[in-house]
Amino acid sequence: MGTLGGILLVLAITLLAGGIAYVGDRVGHQVGRRRLTLFGLRPKYTSTIVAIGTGMVIALAVTVVALVASNYARAAFFDLTKINSRVNELQAEADELDKRVHLTNVVVYRGELLYGPYLLLQPSDTPAQRLTKLSAFFDAVVENVNRNYVPRGLKRYKHRADDSDIQRRLRDFLADERIAGLLSQGPVLLIAAADENLFVNDEIHFEFVPYPDHIVFEQHQIIASLEVDGGTNVNPYTLFNEIVVAAADAAIGRGMPSYYATFPQTTLTKEQASAYIERIRAGKGRFHLIARAQTDIYPHTGSLPIDIELQGGGT
């Protein structure tokens, strides 16, 4: 029922109420003129009761007719609670579907790395040199994300580093207290990442995330270690996955960008892994599966190269 239908319904109810009141009044008036009595009451009270009763009977008759003739009326009278509950259920389902559709349209998630290469700012750089480096890096990021993400549904980023507004924003970024504080302690590594979820038809935008480029692990330093009891039938996938995840968590905890630390690189061969498993299964005592840094590791290393070795145990 549209707006016009609702207005007509209100007018009809108003007219009906007026008609009922009129009929009740006229019946009561006629009863009063004839000096009729009911249950021994005075004619004045009898006419009032008759007028009220007449209005009630008419209203009841109209309601009964409406209930018999209209499914909508019956639903409104007897199933309104169920209807409201069903409406709420359907609205919740619609909200969930809308949320699911919206989330499945995510092209880039917040914090996702948008460009593999990084920019390294040196404390010895002049402000002009830093701005030049950052401007070139900005244009490289824009070119890369436009090439990779526009085909996936995002709108092209149209600005370049030499735009006046972009130059101002880059200068403000370099002048920020956090960047200045990091540069006072050593080199700073910048990574381009998504600053929020980007959905289909969103315009591309990103942010620079800074990391102090200090040494994370020295060469051959132990990054993580797992204890394994000899004589147990260990699952090789679970075992080596645990040491790799432990190494990644340790590196991230020491300031390594998660983009570079999440998937450590190891020189462990299948033959070495099989030999480690056999030593554990056939051995006694306690073994230690150790992850060591292959080389000095900094954020600018761009990965987490590790060696995995097995120590301890007996036969």
C-alpha atoms as a PDB file:
ATOM      1  CA  MET A   1       0.000   0.000   0.000  1.00  0.00           C
ATOM      2  CA  GLY A   2       1.446   3.315  -1.098  1.00  0.00           C
ATOM      3  CA  THR A   3       1.211   6.753   0.498  1.00  0.00           C
ATOM      4  CA  LEU A   4      -2.041   7.600  -1.320  1.00  0.00           C
ATOM      5  CA  GLY A   5      -3.615   4.337  -0.215  1.00  0.00           C
ATOM      6  CA  GLY A   6      -2.631   5.034   3.390  1.00  0.00           C
ATOM      7  CA  ILE A   7      -4.194   8.507   3.275  1.00  0.00           C
ATOM      8  CA  LEU A   8      -7.446   7.122   1.821  1.00  0.00           C
ATOM      9  CA  LEU A   9      -7.546   4.447   4.533  1.00  0.00           C
ATOM     10  CA  VAL A  10      -7.186   7.067   7.280  1.00  0.00           C
ATOM     11  CA  LEU A  11      -9.994   9.149   5.735  1.00  0.00           C
ATOM     12  CA  ALA A  12     -12.214   6.080   5.472  1.00  0.00           C
ATOM     13  CA  ILE A  13     -11.646   5.180   9.122  1.00  0.00           C
ATOM     14  CA  THR A  14     -12.363   8.779  10.149  1.00  0.00           C
ATOM     15  CA  LEU A  15     -15.618   8.856   8.185  1.00  0.00           C
ATOM     16  CA  LEU A  16     -16.636   5.463   9.539  1.00  0.00           C
ATOM     17  CA  ALA A  17     -15.997   6.593  13.111  1.00  0.00           C
ATOM     18  CA  GLY A  18     -18.078   9.713  12.480  1.00  0.00           C
ATOM     19  CA  GLY A  19     -20.911   7.626  11.021  1.00  0.00           C
ATOM     20  CA  ILE A  20     -20.893   5.267  13.984  1.00  0.00           C
ATOM     21  CA  ALA A  21     -21.018   8.181  16.399  1.00  0.00           C
ATOM     22  CA  TYR A  22     -23.894   9.760  14.435  1.00  0.00           C
ATOM     23  CA  VAL A  23     -25.976   6.582  14.306  1.00  0.00           C
ATOM     24  CA  GLY A  24     -25.417   5.908  17.994  1.00  0.00           C
ATOM     25  CA  ASP A  25     -26.430   9.452  18.863  1.00  0.00           C
ATOM     26  CA  ARG A  26     -29.591   9.306  16.772  1.00  0.00           C
ATOM     27  CA  VAL A  27     -30.649   5.955  18.233  1.00  0.00           C
ATOM     28  CA  GLY A  28     -30.046   7.244  21.738  1.00  0.00           C
ATOM     29  CA  HIS A  29     -31.990  10.394  20.938  1.00  0.00           C
ATOM     30  CA  GLN A  30     -35.008   8.418  19.700  1.00  0.00           C
ATOM     31  CA  VAL A  31     -34.935   6.201  22.771  1.00  0.00           C
ATOM     32  CA  GLY A  32     -34.870   9.305  24.971  1.00  0.00           C
ATOM     33  CA  ARG A  33     -37.810  10.936  23.175  1.00  0.00           C
ATOM     34  CA  ARG A  34     -39.962   7.844  23.639  1.00  0.00           C
ATOM     35  CA  ARG A  35     -39.113   7.718  27.340  1.00  0.00           C
ATOM     36  CA  LEU A  36     -38.065   4.072  27.098  1.00  0.00           C
ATOM     37  CA  THR A  37     -36.463   2.409  30.092  1.00  0.00           C
ATOM     38  CA  LEU A  38     -33.976  -0.458  30.408  1.00  0.00           C
ATOM     39  CA  PHE A  39     -33.503  -2.526  33.576  1.00  0.00           C
ATOM     40  CA  GLY A  40     -35.584   0.045  35.471  1.00  0.00           C
ATOM     41  CA  LEU A  41     -33.167   2.900  34.706  1.00  0.00           C
ATOM     42  CA  ARG A  42     -34.301   6.438  34.028  1.00  0.00           C
ATOM     43  CA  PRO A  43     -34.948   7.264  30.333  1.00  0.00           C
ATOM     44  CA  LYS A  44     -31.894   9.611  30.221  1.00  0.00           C
ATOM     45  CA  TYR A  45     -29.519   6.846  31.272  1.00  0.00           C
ATOM     46  CA  THR A  46     -31.255   4.319  29.067  1.00  0.00           C
ATOM     47  CA  SER A  47     -30.745   6.509  25.977  1.00  0.00           C
ATOM     48  CA  THR A  48     -27.044   6.910  26.805  1.00  0.00           C
ATOM     49  CA  ILE A  49     -26.554   3.146  27.195  1.00  0.00           C
ATOM     50  CA  VAL A  50     -28.425   2.453  23.966  1.00  0.00           C
ATOM     51  CA  ALA A  51     -26.313   5.025  22.082  1.00  0.00           C
ATOM     52  CA  ILE A  52     -23.077   3.516  23.363  1.00  0.00           C
ATOM     53  CA  GLY A  53     -24.258  -0.042  22.714  1.00  0.00           C
ATOM     54  CA  THR A  54     -25.342   0.827  19.198  1.00  0.00           C
ATOM     55  CA  GLY A  55     -21.925   2.307  18.402  1.00  0.00           C
ATOM     56  CA  MET A  56     -20.210  -0.775  19.833  1.00  0.00           C
ATOM     57  CA  VAL A  57     -22.393  -3.152  17.841  1.00  0.00           C
ATOM     58  CA  ILE A  58     -21.776  -1.247  14.614  1.00  0.00           C
ATOM     59  CA  ALA A  59     -18.007  -1.150  15.240  1.00  0.00           C
ATOM     60  CA  LEU A  60     -18.014  -4.882  16.021  1.00  0.00           C
ATOM     61  CA  ALA A  61     -19.998  -5.647  12.885  1.00  0.00           C
ATOM     62  CA  VAL A  62     -17.611  -3.627  10.711  1.00  0.00           C
ATOM     63  CA  THR A  63     -14.620  -5.366  12.309  1.00  0.00           C
ATOM     64  CA  VAL A  64     -16.111  -8.807  11.724  1.00  0.00           C
ATOM     65  CA  VAL A  65     -16.849  -7.971   8.089  1.00  0.00           C
ATOM     66  CA  ALA A  66     -13.279  -6.730   7.627  1.00  0.00           C
ATOM     67  CA  LEU A  67     -11.841  -9.891   9.210  1.00  0.00           C
ATOM     68  CA  VAL A  68     -13.969 -12.118   7.004  1.00  0.00           C
ATOM     69  CA  ALA A  69     -13.289 -10.195   3.816  1.00  0.00           C
ATOM     70  CA  SER A  70      -9.587  -9.323   4.193  1.00  0.00           C
ATOM     71  CA  ASN A  71      -6.534 -11.522   4.793  1.00  0.00           C
ATOM     72  CA  TYR A  72      -4.545  -8.397   5.639  1.00  0.00           C
ATOM     73  CA  ALA A  73      -6.977  -7.490   8.419  1.00  0.00           C
ATOM     74  CA  ARG A  74      -6.815 -10.990   9.915  1.00  0.00           C
ATOM     75  CA  ALA A  75      -3.012 -10.910   9.767  1.00  0.00           C
ATOM     76  CA  ALA A  76      -2.928  -7.481  11.416  1.00  0.00           C
ATOM     77  CA  PHE A  77      -5.226  -8.605  14.247  1.00  0.00           C
ATOM     78  CA  PHE A  78      -3.916 -12.077  15.004  1.00  0.00           C
ATOM     79  CA  ASP A  79      -0.415 -12.462  13.502  1.00  0.00           C
ATOM     80  CA  LEU A  80       1.187  -9.060  14.026  1.00  0.00           C
ATOM     81  CA  THR A  81       3.787 -10.372  16.488  1.00  0.00           C
ATOM     82  CA  LYS A  82       4.759 -13.196  14.144  1.00  0.00           C
ATOM     83  CA  ILE A  83       4.951 -10.761  11.236  1.00  0.00           C
ATOM     84  CA  ASN A  84       7.215  -8.405  13.172  1.00  0.00           C
ATOM     85  CA  SER A  85       9.462 -11.311  14.193  1.00  0.00           C
ATOM     86  CA  ARG A  86       9.692 -12.499  10.602  1.00  0.00           C
ATOM     87  CA  VAL A  87      10.446  -8.982   9.381  1.00  0.00           C
ATOM     88  CA  ASN A  88      13.272  -8.721  11.929  1.00  0.00           C
ATOM     89  CA  GLU A  89      14.644 -12.111  10.829  1.00  0.00           C
ATOM     90  CA  LEU A  90      14.561 -11.126   7.161  1.00  0.00           C
ATOM     91  CA  GLN A  91      16.222  -7.793   7.940  1.00  0.00           C
ATOM     92  CA  ALA A  92      18.998  -9.574   9.818  1.00  0.00           C
ATOM     93  CA  GLU A  93      19.475 -11.959   6.880  1.00  0.00           C
ATOM     94  CA  ALA A  94      19.575  -9.033   4.464  1.00  0.00           C
ATOM     95  CA  ASP A  95      22.157  -7.236   6.599  1.00  0.00           C
ATOM     96  CA  GLU A  96      24.289 -10.386   6.748  1.00  0.00           C
ATOM     97  CA  LEU A  97      24.077 -10.888   2.980  1.00  0.00           C
ATOM     98  CA  ASP A  98      24.945  -7.253   2.382  1.00  0.00           C
ATOM     99  CA  LYS A  99      27.914  -7.566   4.713  1.00  0.00           C
ATOM    100  CA  ARG A 100      29.040 -10.784   3.007  1.00  0.00           C
ATOM    101  CA  VAL A 101      28.770  -9.243  -0.456  1.00  0.00           C
ATOM    102  CA  HIS A 102      30.628  -6.163   0.702  1.00  0.00           C
ATOM    103  CA  LEU A 103      33.443  -8.187   2.243  1.00  0.00           C
ATOM    104  CA  THR A 104      33.791 -10.438  -0.786  1.00  0.00           C
ATOM    105  CA  ASN A 105      34.332  -7.314  -2.843  1.00  0.00           C
ATOM    106  CA  VAL A 106      37.483  -6.445  -0.910  1.00  0.00           C
ATOM    107  CA  VAL A 107      40.352  -6.032  -3.350  1.00  0.00           C
ATOM    108  CA  VAL A 108      43.002  -4.939  -0.842  1.00  0.00           C
ATOM    109  CA  TYR A 109      42.938  -5.393   2.927  1.00  0.00           C
ATOM    110  CA  ARG A 110      44.121  -2.790   5.408  1.00  0.00           C
ATOM    111  CA  GLY A 111      47.840  -3.155   6.060  1.00  0.00           C
ATOM    112  CA  GLU A 112      48.452  -5.208   2.921  1.00  0.00           C
ATOM    113  CA  LEU A 113      51.775  -4.576   1.182  1.00  0.00           C
ATOM    114  CA  LEU A 114      51.122  -2.813  -2.132  1.00  0.00           C
ATOM    115  CA  TYR A 115      54.642  -2.574  -3.489  1.00  0.00           C
ATOM    116  CA  GLY A 116      57.453  -5.015  -2.804  1.00  0.00           C
ATOM    117  CA  PRO A 117      60.455  -2.657  -2.973  1.00  0.00           C
ATOM    118  CA  TYR A 118      61.159  -0.262  -0.101  1.00  0.00           C
ATOM    119  CA  LEU A 119      62.739   3.145   0.327  1.00  0.00           C
ATOM    120  CA  LEU A 120      65.690   3.610   2.678  1.00  0.00           C
ATOM    121  CA  LEU A 121      66.197   7.105   4.119  1.00  0.00           C
ATOM    122  CA  GLN A 122      69.631   7.886   5.557  1.00  0.00           C
ATOM    123  CA  PRO A 123      70.303  10.282   8.457  1.00  0.00           C
ATOM    124  CA  SER A 124      73.013  11.885   6.323  1.00  0.00           C
ATOM    125  CA  ASP A 125      70.507  12.828   3.576  1.00  0.00           C
ATOM    126  CA  THR A 126      69.559  16.477   3.328  1.00  0.00           C
ATOM    127  CA  PRO A 127      65.852  17.384   3.461  1.00  0.00           C
ATOM    128  CA  ALA A 128      65.961  18.038  -0.291  1.00  0.00           C
ATOM    129  CA  GLN A 129      67.522  14.642  -0.964  1.00  0.00           C
ATOM    130  CA  ARG A 130      64.907  12.891   1.173  1.00  0.00           C
ATOM    131  CA  LEU A 131      62.099  14.669  -0.659  1.00  0.00           C
ATOM    132  CA  THR A 132      63.597  13.694  -4.016  1.00  0.00           C
ATOM    133  CA  LYS A 133      63.899  10.047  -2.955  1.00  0.00           C
ATOM    134  CA  LEU A 134      60.394   9.959  -1.512  1.00  0.00           C
ATOM    135  CA  SER A 135      58.923  11.615  -4.621  1.00  0.00           C
ATOM    136  CA  ALA A 136      60.510   9.023  -6.902  1.00  0.00           C
ATOM    137  CA  PHE A 137      59.338   6.220  -4.614  1.00  0.00           C
ATOM    138  CA  PHE A 138      55.824   7.679  -4.571  1.00  0.00           C
ATOM    139  CA  ASP A 139      55.617   7.674  -8.375  1.00  0.00           C
ATOM    140  CA  ALA A 140      56.967   4.114  -8.518  1.00  0.00           C
ATOM    141  CA  VAL A 141      54.297   2.967  -6.038  1.00  0.00           C
ATOM    142  CA  VAL A 142      51.537   4.704  -8.002  1.00  0.00           C
ATOM    143  CA  GLU A 143      52.652   3.169 -11.286  1.00  0.00           C
ATOM    144  CA  ASN A 144      52.790  -0.300  -9.719  1.00  0.00           C
ATOM    145  CA  VAL A 145      49.439  -0.213  -7.939  1.00  0.00           C
ATOM    146  CA  ASN A 146      47.674   1.211 -10.980  1.00  0.00           C
ATOM    147  CA  ARG A 147      49.105  -1.558 -13.134  1.00  0.00           C
ATOM    148  CA  ASN A 148      48.266  -4.343 -10.670  1.00  0.00           C
ATOM    149  CA  TYR A 149      45.017  -3.259  -9.028  1.00  0.00           C
ATOM    150  CA  VAL A 150      43.027  -1.329 -11.632  1.00  0.00           C
ATOM    151  CA  PRO A 151      42.384  -4.609 -13.541  1.00  0.00           C
ATOM    152  CA  ARG A 152      41.069  -6.028 -10.249  1.00  0.00           C
ATOM    153  CA  GLY A 153      38.390  -3.341  -9.911  1.00  0.00           C
ATOM    154  CA  LEU A 154      40.002  -0.345  -8.185  1.00  0.00           C
ATOM    155  CA  LYS A 155      39.945   3.137  -9.678  1.00  0.00           C
ATOM    156  CA  ARG A 156      43.208   4.543 -10.977  1.00  0.00           C
ATOM    157  CA  TYR A 157      45.228   6.824  -8.713  1.00  0.00           C
ATOM    158  CA  LYS A 158      45.606   9.996 -10.778  1.00  0.00           C
ATOM    159  CA  HIS A 159      48.096  12.068  -8.766  1.00  0.00           C
ATOM    160  CA  ARG A 160      51.848  12.331  -9.173  1.00  0.00           C
ATOM    161  CA  ALA A 161      54.554  13.409  -6.782  1.00  0.00           C
ATOM    162  CA  ASP A 162      55.075  16.738  -8.570  1.00  0.00           C
ATOM    163  CA  ASP A 163      51.464  17.820  -7.889  1.00  0.00           C
ATOM    164  CA  SER A 164      51.557  20.716  -5.455  1.00  0.00           C
ATOM    165  CA  ASP A 165      49.256  19.051  -2.912  1.00  0.00           C
ATOM    166  CA  ILE A 166      51.222  15.787  -3.023  1.00  0.00           C
ATOM    167  CA  GLN A 167      54.521  17.665  -2.577  1.00  0.00           C
ATOM    168  CA  ARG A 168      53.109  19.365   0.494  1.00  0.00           C
ATOM    169  CA  ARG A 169      51.957  16.049   1.944  1.00  0.00           C
ATOM    170  CA  LEU A 170      55.334  14.415   1.285  1.00  0.00           C
ATOM    171  CA  ARG A 171      57.167  17.297   2.977  1.00  0.00           C
ATOM    172  CA  ASP A 172      54.787  17.090   5.949  1.00  0.00           C
ATOM    173  CA  PHE A 173      55.425  13.342   6.194  1.00  0.00           C
ATOM    174  CA  LEU A 174      59.204  13.828   6.265  1.00  0.00           C
ATOM    175  CA  ALA A 175      58.865  16.624   8.815  1.00  0.00           C
ATOM    176  CA  ASP A 176      56.716  14.515  11.128  1.00  0.00           C
ATOM    177  CA  GLU A 177      58.172  14.089  14.634  1.00  0.00           C
ATOM    178  CA  ARG A 178      58.086  10.310  14.375  1.00  0.00           C
ATOM    179  CA  ILE A 179      60.130  10.230  11.166  1.00  0.00           C
ATOM    180  CA  ALA A 180      62.543  12.835  12.515  1.00  0.00           C
ATOM    181  CA  GLY A 181      62.948  10.827  15.718  1.00  0.00           C
ATOM    182  CA  LEU A 182      63.660   7.598  13.843  1.00  0.00           C
ATOM    183  CA  LEU A 183      66.182   9.302  11.564  1.00  0.00           C
ATOM    184  CA  SER A 184      68.008  10.655  14.585  1.00  0.00           C
ATOM    185  CA  GLN A 185      68.729   7.028  15.556  1.00  0.00           C
ATOM    186  CA  GLY A 186      69.677   5.641  12.151  1.00  0.00           C
ATOM    187  CA  PRO A 187      68.350   4.761   8.703  1.00  0.00           C
ATOM    188  CA  VAL A 188      64.594   4.456   8.208  1.00  0.00           C
ATOM    189  CA  LEU A 189      62.917   1.985   5.886  1.00  0.00           C
ATOM    190  CA  LEU A 190      59.601   2.986   4.270  1.00  0.00           C
ATOM    191  CA  ILE A 191      57.048   0.525   2.910  1.00  0.00           C
ATOM    192  CA  ALA A 192      53.887   1.327   0.917  1.00  0.00           C
ATOM    193  CA  ALA A 193      50.811  -0.360   2.405  1.00  0.00           C
ATOM    194  CA  ALA A 194      47.032  -0.005   2.233  1.00  0.00           C
ATOM    195  CA  ASP A 195      45.746   2.384   4.898  1.00  0.00           C
ATOM    196  CA  GLU A 196      42.268   0.785   4.856  1.00  0.00           C
ATOM    197  CA  ASN A 197      40.250  -1.904   3.101  1.00  0.00           C
ATOM    198  CA  LEU A 198      39.776  -1.062  -0.569  1.00  0.00           C
ATOM    199  CA  PHE A 199      36.663  -2.379  -2.300  1.00  0.00           C
ATOM    200  CA  VAL A 200      35.698  -2.656  -5.943  1.00  0.00           C
ATOM    201  CA  ASN A 201      35.298   0.842  -7.472  1.00  0.00           C
ATOM    202  CA  ASP A 202      37.266   2.509  -4.647  1.00  0.00           C
ATOM    203  CA  GLU A 203      40.011   4.885  -5.673  1.00  0.00           C
ATOM    204  CA  ILE A 204      43.479   3.604  -4.865  1.00  0.00           C
ATOM    205  CA  HIS A 205      45.213   5.217  -1.901  1.00  0.00           C
ATOM    206  CA  PHE A 206      47.983   4.120   0.437  1.00  0.00           C
ATOM    207  CA  GLU A 207      50.338   5.159   3.211  1.00  0.00           C
ATOM    208  CA  PHE A 208      54.047   4.902   3.974  1.00  0.00           C
ATOM    209  CA  VAL A 209      54.886   2.766   7.010  1.00  0.00           C
ATOM    210  CA  PRO A 210      58.289   3.506   8.619  1.00  0.00           C
ATOM    211  CA  TYR A 211      60.615   0.994  10.297  1.00  0.00           C
ATOM    212  CA  PRO A 212      63.942   1.731  12.000  1.00  0.00           C
ATOM    213  CA  ASP A 213      66.551  -0.074   9.915  1.00  0.00           C
ATOM    214  CA  HIS A 214      68.575  -1.496  12.786  1.00  0.00           C
ATOM    215  CA  ILE A 215      70.048  -4.993  12.902  1.00  0.00           C
ATOM    216  CA  VAL A 216      67.421  -7.568  13.842  1.00  0.00           C
ATOM    217  CA  PHE A 217      69.617 -10.681  14.071  1.00  0.00           C
ATOM    218  CA  GLU A 218      73.336 -11.168  13.645  1.00  0.00           C
ATOM    219  CA  GLN A 219      74.662 -13.932  11.428  1.00  0.00           C
ATOM    220  CA  HIS A 220      74.306 -17.405  13.031  1.00  0.00           C
ATOM    221  CA  GLN A 221      72.314 -15.971  15.937  1.00  0.00           C
ATOM    222  CA  ILE A 222      69.613 -18.295  17.251  1.00  0.00           C
ATOM    223  CA  ILE A 223      66.207 -16.926  16.280  1.00  0.00           C
ATOM    224  CA  ALA A 224      63.947 -19.668  17.640  1.00  0.00           C
ATOM    225  CA  SER A 225      64.232 -23.152  19.161  1.00  0.00           C
ATOM    226  CA  LEU A 226      61.850 -26.072  19.738  1.00  0.00           C
ATOM    227  CA  GLU A 227      62.309 -28.981  22.143  1.00  0.00           C
ATOM    228  CA  VAL A 228      61.385 -32.431  20.831  1.00  0.00           C
ATOM    229  CA  ASP A 229      61.456 -35.705  22.764  1.00  0.00           C
ATOM    230  CA  GLY A 230      63.314 -38.519  21.063  1.00  0.00           C
ATOM    231  CA  GLY A 231      61.446 -41.683  20.205  1.00  0.00           C
ATOM    232  CA  THR A 232      58.242 -39.869  19.302  1.00  0.00           C
ATOM    233  CA  ASN A 233      56.500 -40.270  15.953  1.00  0.00           C
ATOM    234  CA  VAL A 234      56.542 -36.570  15.081  1.00  0.00           C
ATOM    235  CA  ASN A 235      54.664 -35.088  12.146  1.00  0.00           C
ATOM    236  CA  PRO A 236      57.299 -33.438   9.923  1.00  0.00           C
ATOM    237  CA  TYR A 237      54.917 -30.845   8.504  1.00  0.00           C
ATOM    238  CA  THR A 238      53.789 -29.744  11.965  1.00  0.00           C
ATOM    239  CA  LEU A 239      57.320 -29.746  13.372  1.00  0.00           C
ATOM    240  CA  PHE A 240      58.961 -27.632  10.678  1.00  0.00           C
ATOM    241  CA  ASN A 241      55.952 -25.351  10.410  1.00  0.00           C
ATOM    242  CA  GLU A 242      56.222 -24.623  14.149  1.00  0.00           C
ATOM    243  CA  ILE A 243      59.890 -23.643  13.941  1.00  0.00           C
ATOM    244  CA  VAL A 244      59.279 -21.443  10.903  1.00  0.00           C
ATOM    245  CA  VAL A 245      56.326 -19.691  12.558  1.00  0.00           C
ATOM    246  CA  ALA A 246      58.335 -19.238  15.772  1.00  0.00           C
ATOM    247  CA  ALA A 247      61.180 -17.657  13.790  1.00  0.00           C
ATOM    248  CA  ALA A 248      58.781 -15.294  12.022  1.00  0.00           C
ATOM    249  CA  ASP A 249      57.134 -14.242  15.293  1.00  0.00           C
ATOM    250  CA  ALA A 250      60.537 -13.614  16.895  1.00  0.00           C
ATOM    251  CA  ALA A 251      61.646 -11.465  13.971  1.00  0.00           C
ATOM    252  CA  ILE A 252      58.445  -9.409  13.954  1.00  0.00           C
ATOM    253  CA  GLY A 253      58.806  -8.908  17.693  1.00  0.00           C
ATOM    254  CA  ARG A 254      62.271  -7.430  17.128  1.00  0.00           C
ATOM    255  CA  GLY A 255      61.131  -4.911  14.525  1.00  0.00           C
ATOM    256  CA  MET A 256      61.230  -6.867  11.257  1.00  0.00           C
ATOM    257  CA  PRO A 257      58.372  -5.849   8.927  1.00  0.00           C
ATOM    258  CA  SER A 258      55.783  -8.613   8.931  1.00  0.00           C
ATOM    259  CA  TYR A 259      55.657  -8.439   5.114  1.00  0.00           C
ATOM    260  CA  TYR A 260      59.232  -9.734   4.981  1.00  0.00           C
ATOM    261  CA  ALA A 261      59.258 -11.991   8.045  1.00  0.00           C
ATOM    262  CA  THR A 262      56.054 -13.991   7.579  1.00  0.00           C
ATOM    263  CA  PHE A 263      57.568 -16.542   5.200  1.00  0.00           C
ATOM    264  CA  PRO A 264      61.173 -17.259   6.251  1.00  0.00           C
ATOM    265  CA  GLN A 265      63.516 -18.608   3.596  1.00  0.00           C
ATOM    266  CA  THR A 266      65.492 -21.698   4.476  1.00  0.00           C
ATOM    267  CA  THR A 267      68.079 -23.858   2.721  1.00  0.00           C
ATOM    268  CA  LEU A 268      66.781 -27.004   4.427  1.00  0.00           C
ATOM    269  CA  THR A 269      66.451 -29.765   1.827  1.00  0.00           C
ATOM    270  CA  LYS A 270      63.962 -32.635   1.833  1.00  0.00           C
ATOM    271  CA  GLU A 271      66.816 -35.052   2.483  1.00  0.00           C
ATOM    272  CA  GLN A 272      67.992 -33.089   5.531  1.00  0.00           C
ATOM    273  CA  ALA A 273      64.432 -32.818   6.844  1.00  0.00           C
ATOM    274  CA  SER A 274      63.925 -36.583   6.459  1.00  0.00           C
ATOM    275  CA  ALA A 275      67.210 -37.266   8.253  1.00  0.00           C
ATOM    276  CA  TYR A 276      66.161 -35.007  11.163  1.00  0.00           C
ATOM    277  CA  ILE A 277      62.844 -36.835  11.490  1.00  0.00           C
ATOM    278  CA  GLU A 278      64.528 -40.243  11.499  1.00  0.00           C
ATOM    279  CA  ARG A 279      67.015 -39.094  14.173  1.00  0.00           C
ATOM    280  CA  ILE A 280      64.154 -37.926  16.393  1.00  0.00           C
ATOM    281  CA  ARG A 281      62.075 -41.067  15.920  1.00  0.00           C
ATOM    282  CA  ALA A 282      64.995 -43.411  16.524  1.00  0.00           C
ATOM    283  CA  GLY A 283      66.719 -41.355  19.215  1.00  0.00           C
ATOM    284  CA  LYS A 284      66.364 -40.885  22.941  1.00  0.00           C
ATOM    285  CA  GLY A 285      66.482 -37.899  25.223  1.00  0.00           C
ATOM    286  CA  ARG A 286      65.658 -34.383  24.176  1.00  0.00           C
ATOM    287  CA  PHE A 287      66.354 -32.797  20.787  1.00  0.00           C
ATOM    288  CA  HIS A 288      66.424 -29.115  19.906  1.00  0.00           C
ATOM    289  CA  LEU A 289      65.297 -27.920  16.489  1.00  0.00           C
ATOM    290  CA  ILE A 290      67.001 -24.554  16.007  1.00  0.00           C
ATOM    291  CA  ALA A 291      66.498 -21.717  13.524  1.00  0.00           C
ATOM    292  CA  ARG A 292      69.574 -19.488  13.002  1.00  0.00           C
ATOM    293  CA  ALA A 293      70.096 -16.369  10.951  1.00  0.00           C
ATOM    294  CA  GLN A 294      71.948 -17.154   7.729  1.00  0.00           C
ATOM    295  CA  THR A 295      73.401 -13.648   7.638  1.00  0.00           C
ATOM    296  CA  ASP A 296      73.070 -10.312   9.398  1.00  0.00           C
ATOM    297  CA  ILE A 297      69.391  -9.489   9.068  1.00  0.00           C
ATOM    298  CA  TYR A 298      68.006  -5.948   8.819  1.00  0.00           C
ATOM    299  CA  PRO A 299      64.565  -4.776   7.708  1.00  0.00           C
ATOM    300  CA  HIS A 300      66.194  -3.836   4.380  1.00  0.00           C
ATOM    301  CA  THR A 301      67.211  -7.483   3.953  1.00  0.00           C
ATOM    302  CA  GLY A 302      63.679  -7.854   2.635  1.00  0.00           C
ATOM    303  CA  SER A 303      63.291 -11.431   3.879  1.00  0.00           C
ATOM    304  CA  LEU A 304      64.116 -13.724   6.782  1.00  0.00           C
ATOM    305  CA  PRO A 305      66.836 -16.178   5.618  1.00  0.00           C
ATOM    306  CA  ILE A 306      67.311 -18.918   8.217  1.00  0.00           C
ATOM    307  CA  ASP A 307      69.169 -22.201   8.646  1.00  0.00           C
ATOM    308  CA  ILE A 308      67.454 -25.049  10.496  1.00  0.00           C
ATOM    309  CA  GLU A 309      69.559 -27.548  12.437  1.00  0.00           C
ATOM    310  CA  LEU A 310      68.906 -30.369  14.881  1.00  0.00           C
ATOM    311  CA  GLN A 311      70.939 -30.738  18.084  1.00  0.00           C
ATOM    312  CA  GLY A 312      70.917 -33.042  21.124  1.00  0.00           C
ATOM    313  CA  GLY A 313      69.357 -36.426  21.650  1.00  0.00           C
ATOM    314  CA  GLY A 314      71.045 -39.818  21.766  1.00  0.00           C
ATOM    315  CA  THR A 315      70.784 -43.327  20.416  1.00  0.00           C
END
